[in-house]
């Protein structure tokens, strides 16, 4: 069987809080998980699962990998992120194809929220 991508793991101080944020934002239910960890989705899902792993130390510096989240309406997407405890970093990129805003989850993991025209 060829190699395949099955997930992305996110280090978290508060696994429950961060996983709940992403579960609602991406409409991904919890799947089978190891004790103390939370997996959104299942290894056999068509989309890669998100894995939230507990760590003892806070994030330091900018993470060099991030998720891109596509929304139908950027203003509604921002409102949802903020309501879930996320933040807007203030970074915005406007392109002919659409807009990209750099957001952060409740622990500061940055991601891009995008709307294409």
PDB file of N, CA and C in Angstrom:
ATOM      1  N   UNK A   1       0.850  -1.172   0.000  1.00  0.00           N
ATOM      2  CA  UNK A   1       0.000   0.000   0.000  1.00  0.00           C
ATOM      3  C   UNK A   1       0.901   1.243   0.000  1.00  0.00           C
ATOM      4  N   UNK A   2       0.578   2.258  -0.830  1.00  0.00           N
ATOM      5  CA  UNK A   2       1.400   3.468  -0.853  1.00  0.00           C
ATOM      6  C   UNK A   2       1.232   4.289   0.429  1.00  0.00           C
ATOM      7  N   UNK A   3       2.223   5.120   0.693  1.00  0.00           N
ATOM      8  CA  UNK A   3       2.120   6.028   1.837  1.00  0.00           C
ATOM      9  C   UNK A   3       0.930   6.947   1.643  1.00  0.00           C
ATOM     10  N   UNK A   4       0.281   7.326   2.745  1.00  0.00           N
ATOM     11  CA  UNK A   4      -0.806   8.295   2.658  1.00  0.00           C
ATOM     12  C   UNK A   4      -0.837   9.144   3.905  1.00  0.00           C
ATOM     13  N   UNK A   5      -1.299  10.338   3.742  1.00  0.00           N
ATOM     14  CA  UNK A   5      -1.394  11.294   4.829  1.00  0.00           C
ATOM     15  C   UNK A   5      -2.674  11.014   5.603  1.00  0.00           C
ATOM     16  N   UNK A   6      -2.567  10.803   6.929  1.00  0.00           N
ATOM     17  CA  UNK A   6      -3.742  10.461   7.730  1.00  0.00           C
ATOM     18  C   UNK A   6      -4.079  11.483   8.791  1.00  0.00           C
ATOM     19  N   UNK A   7      -3.206  12.472   9.049  1.00  0.00           N
ATOM     20  CA  UNK A   7      -3.559  13.435  10.066  1.00  0.00           C
ATOM     21  C   UNK A   7      -2.507  14.497  10.309  1.00  0.00           C
ATOM     22  N   UNK A   8      -2.921  15.456  11.141  1.00  0.00           N
ATOM     23  CA  UNK A   8      -2.054  16.529  11.619  1.00  0.00           C
ATOM     24  C   UNK A   8      -2.179  16.529  13.133  1.00  0.00           C
ATOM     25  N   UNK A   9      -1.046  16.580  13.838  1.00  0.00           N
ATOM     26  CA  UNK A   9      -1.051  16.584  15.300  1.00  0.00           C
ATOM     27  C   UNK A   9      -0.723  17.982  15.808  1.00  0.00           C
ATOM     28  N   UNK A  10      -1.530  18.430  16.774  1.00  0.00           N
ATOM     29  CA  UNK A  10      -1.370  19.752  17.364  1.00  0.00           C
ATOM     30  C   UNK A  10      -1.029  19.579  18.838  1.00  0.00           C
ATOM     31  N   UNK A  11       0.082  20.163  19.282  1.00  0.00           N
ATOM     32  CA  UNK A  11       0.456  20.149  20.697  1.00  0.00           C
ATOM     33  C   UNK A  11      -0.397  21.167  21.444  1.00  0.00           C
ATOM     34  N   UNK A  12      -0.949  20.779  22.617  1.00  0.00           N
ATOM     35  CA  UNK A  12      -1.863  21.659  23.358  1.00  0.00           C
ATOM     36  C   UNK A  12      -1.622  21.568  24.855  1.00  0.00           C
ATOM     37  N   UNK A  13      -1.787  22.688  25.526  1.00  0.00           N
ATOM     38  CA  UNK A  13      -1.833  22.686  26.985  1.00  0.00           C
ATOM     39  C   UNK A  13      -3.203  22.202  27.449  1.00  0.00           C
ATOM     40  N   UNK A  14      -4.270  22.688  26.810  1.00  0.00           N
ATOM     41  CA  UNK A  14      -5.650  22.328  27.149  1.00  0.00           C
ATOM     42  C   UNK A  14      -6.271  21.616  25.956  1.00  0.00           C
ATOM     43  N   UNK A  15      -6.079  20.313  25.900  1.00  0.00           N
ATOM     44  CA  UNK A  15      -6.527  19.500  24.772  1.00  0.00           C
ATOM     45  C   UNK A  15      -8.034  19.639  24.552  1.00  0.00           C
ATOM     46  N   UNK A  16      -8.817  19.598  25.622  1.00  0.00           N
ATOM     47  CA  UNK A  16     -10.277  19.684  25.496  1.00  0.00           C
ATOM     48  C   UNK A  16     -10.698  20.990  24.833  1.00  0.00           C
ATOM     49  N   UNK A  17     -10.142  22.105  25.292  1.00  0.00           N
ATOM     50  CA  UNK A  17     -10.530  23.418  24.776  1.00  0.00           C
ATOM     51  C   UNK A  17     -10.151  23.579  23.303  1.00  0.00           C
ATOM     52  N   UNK A  18      -8.935  23.224  22.966  1.00  0.00           N
ATOM     53  CA  UNK A  18      -8.478  23.401  21.585  1.00  0.00           C
ATOM     54  C   UNK A  18      -9.212  22.440  20.647  1.00  0.00           C
ATOM     55  N   UNK A  19      -9.399  21.195  21.063  1.00  0.00           N
ATOM     56  CA  UNK A  19     -10.119  20.234  20.225  1.00  0.00           C
ATOM     57  C   UNK A  19     -11.574  20.655  20.035  1.00  0.00           C
ATOM     58  N   UNK A  20     -12.211  21.184  21.078  1.00  0.00           N
ATOM     59  CA  UNK A  20     -13.596  21.645  20.958  1.00  0.00           C
ATOM     60  C   UNK A  20     -13.701  22.791  19.953  1.00  0.00           C
ATOM     61  N   UNK A  21     -12.750  23.718  19.980  1.00  0.00           N
ATOM     62  CA  UNK A  21     -12.704  24.823  19.015  1.00  0.00           C
ATOM     63  C   UNK A  21     -12.690  24.280  17.585  1.00  0.00           C
ATOM     64  N   UNK A  22     -11.749  23.388  17.291  1.00  0.00           N
ATOM     65  CA  UNK A  22     -11.610  22.858  15.938  1.00  0.00           C
ATOM     66  C   UNK A  22     -12.765  21.943  15.555  1.00  0.00           C
ATOM     67  N   UNK A  23     -13.313  21.215  16.506  1.00  0.00           N
ATOM     68  CA  UNK A  23     -14.440  20.333  16.216  1.00  0.00           C
ATOM     69  C   UNK A  23     -15.631  21.129  15.695  1.00  0.00           C
ATOM     70  N   UNK A  24     -15.934  22.245  16.356  1.00  0.00           N
ATOM     71  CA  UNK A  24     -17.054  23.081  15.920  1.00  0.00           C
ATOM     72  C   UNK A  24     -16.710  23.810  14.624  1.00  0.00           C
ATOM     73  N   UNK A  25     -15.518  24.415  14.552  1.00  0.00           N
ATOM     74  CA  UNK A  25     -15.145  25.185  13.369  1.00  0.00           C
ATOM     75  C   UNK A  25     -15.174  24.333  12.107  1.00  0.00           C
ATOM     76  N   UNK A  26     -14.699  23.103  12.184  1.00  0.00           N
ATOM     77  CA  UNK A  26     -14.611  22.232  11.009  1.00  0.00           C
ATOM     78  C   UNK A  26     -15.731  21.205  10.924  1.00  0.00           C
ATOM     79  N   UNK A  27     -16.640  21.221  11.904  1.00  0.00           N
ATOM     80  CA  UNK A  27     -17.740  20.255  11.950  1.00  0.00           C
ATOM     81  C   UNK A  27     -17.201  18.828  11.848  1.00  0.00           C
ATOM     82  N   UNK A  28     -16.197  18.551  12.681  1.00  0.00           N
ATOM     83  CA  UNK A  28     -15.576  17.221  12.734  1.00  0.00           C
ATOM     84  C   UNK A  28     -15.800  16.624  14.110  1.00  0.00           C
ATOM     85  N   UNK A  29     -16.479  15.509  14.210  1.00  0.00           N
ATOM     86  CA  UNK A  29     -16.724  14.889  15.513  1.00  0.00           C
ATOM     87  C   UNK A  29     -15.477  14.190  16.056  1.00  0.00           C
ATOM     88  N   UNK A  30     -15.496  13.979  17.362  1.00  0.00           N
ATOM     89  CA  UNK A  30     -14.429  13.209  17.991  1.00  0.00           C
ATOM     90  C   UNK A  30     -14.490  11.770  17.504  1.00  0.00           C
ATOM     91  N   UNK A  31     -13.326  11.198  17.325  1.00  0.00           N
ATOM     92  CA  UNK A  31     -13.226   9.800  16.953  1.00  0.00           C
ATOM     93  C   UNK A  31     -12.529   9.036  18.058  1.00  0.00           C
ATOM     94  N   UNK A  32     -12.230   7.764  17.818  1.00  0.00           N
ATOM     95  CA  UNK A  32     -11.508   6.988  18.822  1.00  0.00           C
ATOM     96  C   UNK A  32     -10.167   7.660  19.129  1.00  0.00           C
ATOM     97  N   UNK A  33      -9.856   7.807  20.409  1.00  0.00           N
ATOM     98  CA  UNK A  33      -8.661   8.527  20.829  1.00  0.00           C
ATOM     99  C   UNK A  33      -7.932   7.788  21.937  1.00  0.00           C
ATOM    100  N   UNK A  34      -6.639   8.056  22.057  1.00  0.00           N
ATOM    101  CA  UNK A  34      -5.860   7.530  23.170  1.00  0.00           C
ATOM    102  C   UNK A  34      -6.204   8.345  24.420  1.00  0.00           C
ATOM    103  N   UNK A  35      -6.041   7.777  25.601  1.00  0.00           N
ATOM    104  CA  UNK A  35      -6.318   8.533  26.831  1.00  0.00           C
ATOM    105  C   UNK A  35      -5.520   9.840  26.893  1.00  0.00           C
ATOM    106  N   UNK A  36      -6.219  10.936  27.190  1.00  0.00           N
ATOM    107  CA  UNK A  36      -5.596  12.245  27.289  1.00  0.00           C
ATOM    108  C   UNK A  36      -5.469  12.979  25.961  1.00  0.00           C
ATOM    109  N   UNK A  37      -5.641  12.293  24.874  1.00  0.00           N
ATOM    110  CA  UNK A  37      -5.567  12.871  23.538  1.00  0.00           C
ATOM    111  C   UNK A  37      -6.985  12.973  22.985  1.00  0.00           C
ATOM    112  N   UNK A  38      -7.176  13.812  21.982  1.00  0.00           N
ATOM    113  CA  UNK A  38      -8.464  13.853  21.275  1.00  0.00           C
ATOM    114  C   UNK A  38      -8.177  13.817  19.783  1.00  0.00           C
ATOM    115  N   UNK A  39      -8.870  12.913  19.100  1.00  0.00           N
ATOM    116  CA  UNK A  39      -8.769  12.809  17.649  1.00  0.00           C
ATOM    117  C   UNK A  39     -10.096  13.284  17.065  1.00  0.00           C
ATOM    118  N   UNK A  40     -10.036  14.161  16.079  1.00  0.00           N
ATOM    119  CA  UNK A  40     -11.231  14.548  15.334  1.00  0.00           C
ATOM    120  C   UNK A  40     -11.198  13.777  14.030  1.00  0.00           C
ATOM    121  N   UNK A  41     -12.190  12.935  13.863  1.00  0.00           N
ATOM    122  CA  UNK A  41     -12.231  12.066  12.708  1.00  0.00           C
ATOM    123  C   UNK A  41     -11.606  10.719  13.022  1.00  0.00           C
ATOM    124  N   UNK A  42     -11.519   9.908  12.006  1.00  0.00           N
ATOM    125  CA  UNK A  42     -11.022   8.542  12.116  1.00  0.00           C
ATOM    126  C   UNK A  42      -9.947   8.338  11.060  1.00  0.00           C
ATOM    127  N   UNK A  43      -9.028   7.456  11.308  1.00  0.00           N
ATOM    128  CA  UNK A  43      -7.911   7.213  10.388  1.00  0.00           C
ATOM    129  C   UNK A  43      -8.398   6.805   8.992  1.00  0.00           C
ATOM    130  N   UNK A  44      -9.592   6.240   8.876  1.00  0.00           N
ATOM    131  CA  UNK A  44     -10.117   5.822   7.573  1.00  0.00           C
ATOM    132  C   UNK A  44     -11.006   6.868   6.911  1.00  0.00           C
ATOM    133  N   UNK A  45     -11.164   8.046   7.509  1.00  0.00           N
ATOM    134  CA  UNK A  45     -11.976   9.112   6.915  1.00  0.00           C
ATOM    135  C   UNK A  45     -11.334   9.603   5.620  1.00  0.00           C
ATOM    136  N   UNK A  46     -12.149  10.153   4.707  1.00  0.00           N
ATOM    137  CA  UNK A  46     -11.573  10.710   3.477  1.00  0.00           C
ATOM    138  C   UNK A  46     -10.685  11.931   3.742  1.00  0.00           C
ATOM    139  N   UNK A  47     -10.978  12.692   4.805  1.00  0.00           N
ATOM    140  CA  UNK A  47     -10.138  13.821   5.193  1.00  0.00           C
ATOM    141  C   UNK A  47      -9.168  13.362   6.267  1.00  0.00           C
ATOM    142  N   UNK A  48      -7.953  13.916   6.305  1.00  0.00           N
ATOM    143  CA  UNK A  48      -7.046  13.589   7.407  1.00  0.00           C
ATOM    144  C   UNK A  48      -7.649  14.012   8.748  1.00  0.00           C
ATOM    145  N   UNK A  49      -7.395  13.233   9.764  1.00  0.00           N
ATOM    146  CA  UNK A  49      -7.918  13.580  11.087  1.00  0.00           C
ATOM    147  C   UNK A  49      -7.003  14.609  11.739  1.00  0.00           C
ATOM    148  N   UNK A  50      -7.553  15.323  12.712  1.00  0.00           N
ATOM    149  CA  UNK A  50      -6.766  16.225  13.544  1.00  0.00           C
ATOM    150  C   UNK A  50      -6.567  15.552  14.883  1.00  0.00           C
ATOM    151  N   UNK A  51      -5.340  15.560  15.351  1.00  0.00           N
ATOM    152  CA  UNK A  51      -4.986  14.908  16.603  1.00  0.00           C
ATOM    153  C   UNK A  51      -4.481  15.981  17.566  1.00  0.00           C
ATOM    154  N   UNK A  52      -5.047  16.020  18.764  1.00  0.00           N
ATOM    155  CA  UNK A  52      -4.653  16.993  19.777  1.00  0.00           C
ATOM    156  C   UNK A  52      -3.942  16.260  20.896  1.00  0.00           C
ATOM    157  N   UNK A  53      -2.673  16.601  21.054  1.00  0.00           N
ATOM    158  CA  UNK A  53      -1.766  15.898  21.954  1.00  0.00           C
ATOM    159  C   UNK A  53      -1.429  16.802  23.142  1.00  0.00           C
ATOM    160  N   UNK A  54      -1.540  16.280  24.368  1.00  0.00           N
ATOM    161  CA  UNK A  54      -1.194  17.108  25.526  1.00  0.00           C
ATOM    162  C   UNK A  54       0.314  17.279  25.660  1.00  0.00           C
ATOM    163  N   UNK A  55       0.715  18.524  25.961  1.00  0.00           N
ATOM    164  CA  UNK A  55       2.116  18.837  26.236  1.00  0.00           C
ATOM    165  C   UNK A  55       2.170  19.729  27.473  1.00  0.00           C
ATOM    166  N   UNK A  56       3.309  19.774  28.125  1.00  0.00           N
ATOM    167  CA  UNK A  56       3.451  20.538  29.364  1.00  0.00           C
ATOM    168  C   UNK A  56       3.923  21.969  29.141  1.00  0.00           C
ATOM    169  N   UNK A  57       4.541  22.233  28.001  1.00  0.00           N
ATOM    170  CA  UNK A  57       5.104  23.564  27.777  1.00  0.00           C
ATOM    171  C   UNK A  57       4.290  24.325  26.736  1.00  0.00           C
ATOM    172  N   UNK A  58       4.144  25.659  26.909  1.00  0.00           N
ATOM    173  CA  UNK A  58       3.410  26.456  25.925  1.00  0.00           C
ATOM    174  C   UNK A  58       4.191  26.601  24.630  1.00  0.00           C
ATOM    175  N   UNK A  59       3.458  26.928  23.575  1.00  0.00           N
ATOM    176  CA  UNK A  59       4.070  27.165  22.275  1.00  0.00           C
ATOM    177  C   UNK A  59       5.028  28.342  22.369  1.00  0.00           C
ATOM    178  N   UNK A  60       6.171  28.209  21.722  1.00  0.00           N
ATOM    179  CA  UNK A  60       7.144  29.300  21.684  1.00  0.00           C
ATOM    180  C   UNK A  60       7.481  29.591  20.232  1.00  0.00           C
ATOM    181  N   UNK A  61       7.244  30.817  19.815  1.00  0.00           N
ATOM    182  CA  UNK A  61       7.558  31.203  18.447  1.00  0.00           C
ATOM    183  C   UNK A  61       6.489  30.785  17.460  1.00  0.00           C
ATOM    184  N   UNK A  62       6.690  31.149  16.236  1.00  0.00           N
ATOM    185  CA  UNK A  62       5.733  30.867  15.173  1.00  0.00           C
ATOM    186  C   UNK A  62       5.897  29.432  14.684  1.00  0.00           C
ATOM    187  N   UNK A  63       4.794  28.723  14.593  1.00  0.00           N
ATOM    188  CA  UNK A  63       4.791  27.368  14.043  1.00  0.00           C
ATOM    189  C   UNK A  63       4.903  27.489  12.529  1.00  0.00           C
ATOM    190  N   UNK A  64       5.720  26.667  11.914  1.00  0.00           N
ATOM    191  CA  UNK A  64       5.993  26.779  10.482  1.00  0.00           C
ATOM    192  C   UNK A  64       5.011  25.998   9.616  1.00  0.00           C
ATOM    193  N   UNK A  65       3.971  25.432  10.223  1.00  0.00           N
ATOM    194  CA  UNK A  65       2.944  24.691   9.506  1.00  0.00           C
ATOM    195  C   UNK A  65       1.603  25.185  10.018  1.00  0.00           C
ATOM    196  N   UNK A  66       0.632  25.385   9.132  1.00  0.00           N
ATOM    197  CA  UNK A  66      -0.682  25.817   9.584  1.00  0.00           C
ATOM    198  C   UNK A  66      -1.759  25.230   8.685  1.00  0.00           C
ATOM    199  N   UNK A  67      -2.990  25.262   9.174  1.00  0.00           N
ATOM    200  CA  UNK A  67      -4.131  24.803   8.399  1.00  0.00           C
ATOM    201  C   UNK A  67      -4.727  25.969   7.628  1.00  0.00           C
ATOM    202  N   UNK A  68      -5.313  25.684   6.476  1.00  0.00           N
ATOM    203  CA  UNK A  68      -6.071  26.655   5.698  1.00  0.00           C
ATOM    204  C   UNK A  68      -7.529  26.225   5.753  1.00  0.00           C
ATOM    205  N   UNK A  69      -8.403  27.136   6.174  1.00  0.00           N
ATOM    206  CA  UNK A  69      -9.831  26.844   6.311  1.00  0.00           C
ATOM    207  C   UNK A  69     -10.583  27.728   5.323  1.00  0.00           C
ATOM    208  N   UNK A  70     -11.333  27.109   4.423  1.00  0.00           N
ATOM    209  CA  UNK A  70     -12.120  27.817   3.426  1.00  0.00           C
ATOM    210  C   UNK A  70     -13.531  28.034   3.954  1.00  0.00           C
ATOM    211  N   UNK A  71     -14.029  29.275   3.851  1.00  0.00           N
ATOM    212  CA  UNK A  71     -15.390  29.602   4.284  1.00  0.00           C
ATOM    213  C   UNK A  71     -16.137  30.246   3.118  1.00  0.00           C
ATOM    214  N   UNK A  72     -17.472  30.182   3.171  1.00  0.00           N
ATOM    215  CA  UNK A  72     -18.296  30.821   2.144  1.00  0.00           C
ATOM    216  C   UNK A  72     -18.365  32.326   2.344  1.00  0.00           C
ATOM    217  N   UNK A  73     -18.338  32.770   3.598  1.00  0.00           N
ATOM    218  CA  UNK A  73     -18.452  34.191   3.922  1.00  0.00           C
ATOM    219  C   UNK A  73     -17.401  34.534   4.973  1.00  0.00           C
ATOM    220  N   UNK A  74     -16.444  35.379   4.618  1.00  0.00           N
ATOM    221  CA  UNK A  74     -15.322  35.668   5.507  1.00  0.00           C
ATOM    222  C   UNK A  74     -15.781  36.328   6.804  1.00  0.00           C
ATOM    223  N   UNK A  75     -16.761  37.228   6.733  1.00  0.00           N
ATOM    224  CA  UNK A  75     -17.235  37.903   7.947  1.00  0.00           C
ATOM    225  C   UNK A  75     -17.897  36.918   8.905  1.00  0.00           C
ATOM    226  N   UNK A  76     -18.697  35.999   8.368  1.00  0.00           N
ATOM    227  CA  UNK A  76     -19.310  34.966   9.211  1.00  0.00           C
ATOM    228  C   UNK A  76     -18.246  34.032   9.778  1.00  0.00           C
ATOM    229  N   UNK A  77     -17.241  33.714   8.974  1.00  0.00           N
ATOM    230  CA  UNK A  77     -16.151  32.868   9.442  1.00  0.00           C
ATOM    231  C   UNK A  77     -15.383  33.503  10.590  1.00  0.00           C
ATOM    232  N   UNK A  78     -15.084  34.790  10.459  1.00  0.00           N
ATOM    233  CA  UNK A  78     -14.389  35.507  11.533  1.00  0.00           C
ATOM    234  C   UNK A  78     -15.250  35.521  12.785  1.00  0.00           C
ATOM    235  N   UNK A  79     -16.533  35.816  12.637  1.00  0.00           N
ATOM    236  CA  UNK A  79     -17.440  35.854  13.792  1.00  0.00           C
ATOM    237  C   UNK A  79     -17.464  34.503  14.502  1.00  0.00           C
ATOM    238  N   UNK A  80     -17.472  33.411  13.745  1.00  0.00           N
ATOM    239  CA  UNK A  80     -17.482  32.084  14.353  1.00  0.00           C
ATOM    240  C   UNK A  80     -16.188  31.820  15.110  1.00  0.00           C
ATOM    241  N   UNK A  81     -15.053  32.155  14.500  1.00  0.00           N
ATOM    242  CA  UNK A  81     -13.762  31.948  15.161  1.00  0.00           C
ATOM    243  C   UNK A  81     -13.717  32.723  16.480  1.00  0.00           C
ATOM    244  N   UNK A  82     -14.130  33.973  16.450  1.00  0.00           N
ATOM    245  CA  UNK A  82     -14.114  34.804  17.657  1.00  0.00           C
ATOM    246  C   UNK A  82     -15.063  34.258  18.722  1.00  0.00           C
ATOM    247  N   UNK A  83     -16.252  33.821  18.315  1.00  0.00           N
ATOM    248  CA  UNK A  83     -17.230  33.269  19.261  1.00  0.00           C
ATOM    249  C   UNK A  83     -16.716  31.987  19.916  1.00  0.00           C
ATOM    250  N   UNK A  84     -15.872  31.243  19.206  1.00  0.00           N
ATOM    251  CA  UNK A  84     -15.319  29.992  19.737  1.00  0.00           C
ATOM    252  C   UNK A  84     -14.080  30.219  20.594  1.00  0.00           C
ATOM    253  N   UNK A  85     -13.642  31.475  20.733  1.00  0.00           N
ATOM    254  CA  UNK A  85     -12.477  31.770  21.571  1.00  0.00           C
ATOM    255  C   UNK A  85     -11.198  31.987  20.809  1.00  0.00           C
ATOM    256  N   UNK A  86     -11.276  32.020  19.478  1.00  0.00           N
ATOM    257  CA  UNK A  86     -10.106  32.301  18.665  1.00  0.00           C
ATOM    258  C   UNK A  86      -9.901  33.798  18.529  1.00  0.00           C
ATOM    259  N   UNK A  87      -8.862  34.182  17.803  1.00  0.00           N
ATOM    260  CA  UNK A  87      -8.544  35.593  17.617  1.00  0.00           C
ATOM    261  C   UNK A  87      -8.139  35.867  16.174  1.00  0.00           C
ATOM    262  N   UNK A  88      -8.220  37.142  15.797  1.00  0.00           N
ATOM    263  CA  UNK A  88      -7.722  37.626  14.515  1.00  0.00           C
ATOM    264  C   UNK A  88      -6.372  38.271  14.780  1.00  0.00           C
ATOM    265  N   UNK A  89      -5.347  37.873  14.066  1.00  0.00           N
ATOM    266  CA  UNK A  89      -4.000  38.402  14.299  1.00  0.00           C
ATOM    267  C   UNK A  89      -3.819  39.812  13.753  1.00  0.00           C
ATOM    268  N   UNK A  90      -4.748  40.237  12.898  1.00  0.00           N
ATOM    269  CA  UNK A  90      -4.618  41.534  12.247  1.00  0.00           C
ATOM    270  C   UNK A  90      -3.988  41.435  10.868  1.00  0.00           C
ATOM    271  N   UNK A  91      -3.520  40.246  10.510  1.00  0.00           N
ATOM    272  CA  UNK A  91      -2.881  40.057   9.200  1.00  0.00           C
ATOM    273  C   UNK A  91      -3.933  39.672   8.165  1.00  0.00           C
ATOM    274  N   UNK A  92      -4.008  40.462   7.096  1.00  0.00           N
ATOM    275  CA  UNK A  92      -4.987  40.244   6.030  1.00  0.00           C
ATOM    276  C   UNK A  92      -4.276  40.333   4.685  1.00  0.00           C
ATOM    277  N   UNK A  93      -4.645  39.432   3.769  1.00  0.00           N
ATOM    278  CA  UNK A  93      -4.076  39.428   2.423  1.00  0.00           C
ATOM    279  C   UNK A  93      -5.230  39.424   1.423  1.00  0.00           C
ATOM    280  N   UNK A  94      -5.277  40.437   0.579  1.00  0.00           N
ATOM    281  CA  UNK A  94      -6.303  40.529  -0.463  1.00  0.00           C
ATOM    282  C   UNK A  94      -5.684  40.171  -1.803  1.00  0.00           C
ATOM    283  N   UNK A  95      -6.329  39.246  -2.509  1.00  0.00           N
ATOM    284  CA  UNK A  95      -5.880  38.791  -3.815  1.00  0.00           C
ATOM    285  C   UNK A  95      -7.031  38.914  -4.796  1.00  0.00           C
ATOM    286  N   UNK A  96      -6.752  38.836  -6.085  1.00  0.00           N
ATOM    287  CA  UNK A  96      -7.825  38.842  -7.083  1.00  0.00           C
ATOM    288  C   UNK A  96      -8.790  37.686  -6.848  1.00  0.00           C
ATOM    289  N   UNK A  97      -8.261  36.560  -6.361  1.00  0.00           N
ATOM    290  CA  UNK A  97      -9.066  35.357  -6.153  1.00  0.00           C
ATOM    291  C   UNK A  97      -9.892  35.401  -4.875  1.00  0.00           C
ATOM    292  N   UNK A  98      -9.508  36.258  -3.925  1.00  0.00           N
ATOM    293  CA  UNK A  98     -10.233  36.298  -2.657  1.00  0.00           C
ATOM    294  C   UNK A  98      -9.411  36.911  -1.550  1.00  0.00           C
ATOM    295  N   UNK A  99      -9.786  36.592  -0.326  1.00  0.00           N
ATOM    296  CA  UNK A  99      -9.154  37.171   0.852  1.00  0.00           C
ATOM    297  C   UNK A  99      -8.690  36.069   1.781  1.00  0.00           C
ATOM    298  N   UNK A 100      -7.568  36.315   2.460  1.00  0.00           N
ATOM    299  CA  UNK A 100      -7.025  35.382   3.445  1.00  0.00           C
ATOM    300  C   UNK A 100      -6.749  36.181   4.716  1.00  0.00           C
ATOM    301  N   UNK A 101      -7.292  35.722   5.827  1.00  0.00           N
ATOM    302  CA  UNK A 101      -7.044  36.332   7.131  1.00  0.00           C
ATOM    303  C   UNK A 101      -6.293  35.339   8.000  1.00  0.00           C
ATOM    304  N   UNK A 102      -5.287  35.808   8.710  1.00  0.00           N
ATOM    305  CA  UNK A 102      -4.547  34.943   9.621  1.00  0.00           C
ATOM    306  C   UNK A 102      -5.237  35.017  10.980  1.00  0.00           C
ATOM    307  N   UNK A 103      -5.718  33.876  11.425  1.00  0.00           N
ATOM    308  CA  UNK A 103      -6.450  33.742  12.680  1.00  0.00           C
ATOM    309  C   UNK A 103      -5.624  32.881  13.629  1.00  0.00           C
ATOM    310  N   UNK A 104      -6.091  32.746  14.871  1.00  0.00           N
ATOM    311  CA  UNK A 104      -5.431  31.866  15.840  1.00  0.00           C
ATOM    312  C   UNK A 104      -6.487  31.174  16.686  1.00  0.00           C
ATOM    313  N   UNK A 105      -6.225  29.926  17.050  1.00  0.00           N
ATOM    314  CA  UNK A 105      -7.146  29.197  17.925  1.00  0.00           C
ATOM    315  C   UNK A 105      -6.925  29.663  19.369  1.00  0.00           C
ATOM    316  N   UNK A 106      -7.652  29.116  20.344  1.00  0.00           N
ATOM    317  CA  UNK A 106      -7.532  29.611  21.724  1.00  0.00           C
ATOM    318  C   UNK A 106      -6.134  29.532  22.340  1.00  0.00           C
ATOM    319  N   UNK A 107      -5.238  28.695  21.809  1.00  0.00           N
ATOM    320  CA  UNK A 107      -3.877  28.622  22.340  1.00  0.00           C
ATOM    321  C   UNK A 107      -2.866  29.328  21.443  1.00  0.00           C
ATOM    322  N   UNK A 108      -3.356  30.046  20.446  1.00  0.00           N
ATOM    323  CA  UNK A 108      -2.459  30.820  19.593  1.00  0.00           C
ATOM    324  C   UNK A 108      -1.934  30.106  18.369  1.00  0.00           C
ATOM    325  N   UNK A 109      -2.431  28.890  18.064  1.00  0.00           N
ATOM    326  CA  UNK A 109      -2.012  28.205  16.838  1.00  0.00           C
ATOM    327  C   UNK A 109      -2.621  28.960  15.660  1.00  0.00           C
ATOM    328  N   UNK A 110      -1.777  29.508  14.807  1.00  0.00           N
ATOM    329  CA  UNK A 110      -2.268  30.294  13.684  1.00  0.00           C
ATOM    330  C   UNK A 110      -2.792  29.401  12.568  1.00  0.00           C
ATOM    331  N   UNK A 111      -3.788  29.936  11.842  1.00  0.00           N
ATOM    332  CA  UNK A 111      -4.338  29.276  10.664  1.00  0.00           C
ATOM    333  C   UNK A 111      -4.891  30.349   9.746  1.00  0.00           C
ATOM    334  N   UNK A 112      -5.087  30.011   8.485  1.00  0.00           N
ATOM    335  CA  UNK A 112      -5.642  30.964   7.526  1.00  0.00           C
ATOM    336  C   UNK A 112      -7.111  30.675   7.300  1.00  0.00           C
ATOM    337  N   UNK A 113      -7.903  31.726   7.352  1.00  0.00           N
ATOM    338  CA  UNK A 113      -9.320  31.673   7.041  1.00  0.00           C
ATOM    339  C   UNK A 113      -9.448  32.353   5.682  1.00  0.00           C
ATOM    340  N   UNK A 114      -9.986  31.631   4.702  1.00  0.00           N
ATOM    341  CA  UNK A 114      -9.995  32.134   3.322  1.00  0.00           C
ATOM    342  C   UNK A 114     -11.387  32.109   2.727  1.00  0.00           C
ATOM    343  N   UNK A 115     -11.653  33.104   1.878  1.00  0.00           N
ATOM    344  CA  UNK A 115     -12.860  33.118   1.058  1.00  0.00           C
ATOM    345  C   UNK A 115     -12.394  33.413  -0.358  1.00  0.00           C
ATOM    346  N   UNK A 116     -12.785  32.564  -1.292  1.00  0.00           N
ATOM    347  CA  UNK A 116     -12.444  32.792  -2.696  1.00  0.00           C
ATOM    348  C   UNK A 116     -13.668  33.322  -3.408  1.00  0.00           C
ATOM    349  N   UNK A 117     -13.441  34.233  -4.375  1.00  0.00           N
ATOM    350  CA  UNK A 117     -14.554  34.852  -5.113  1.00  0.00           C
ATOM    351  C   UNK A 117     -14.847  34.093  -6.374  1.00  0.00           C
TER     352      UNK A 117
END
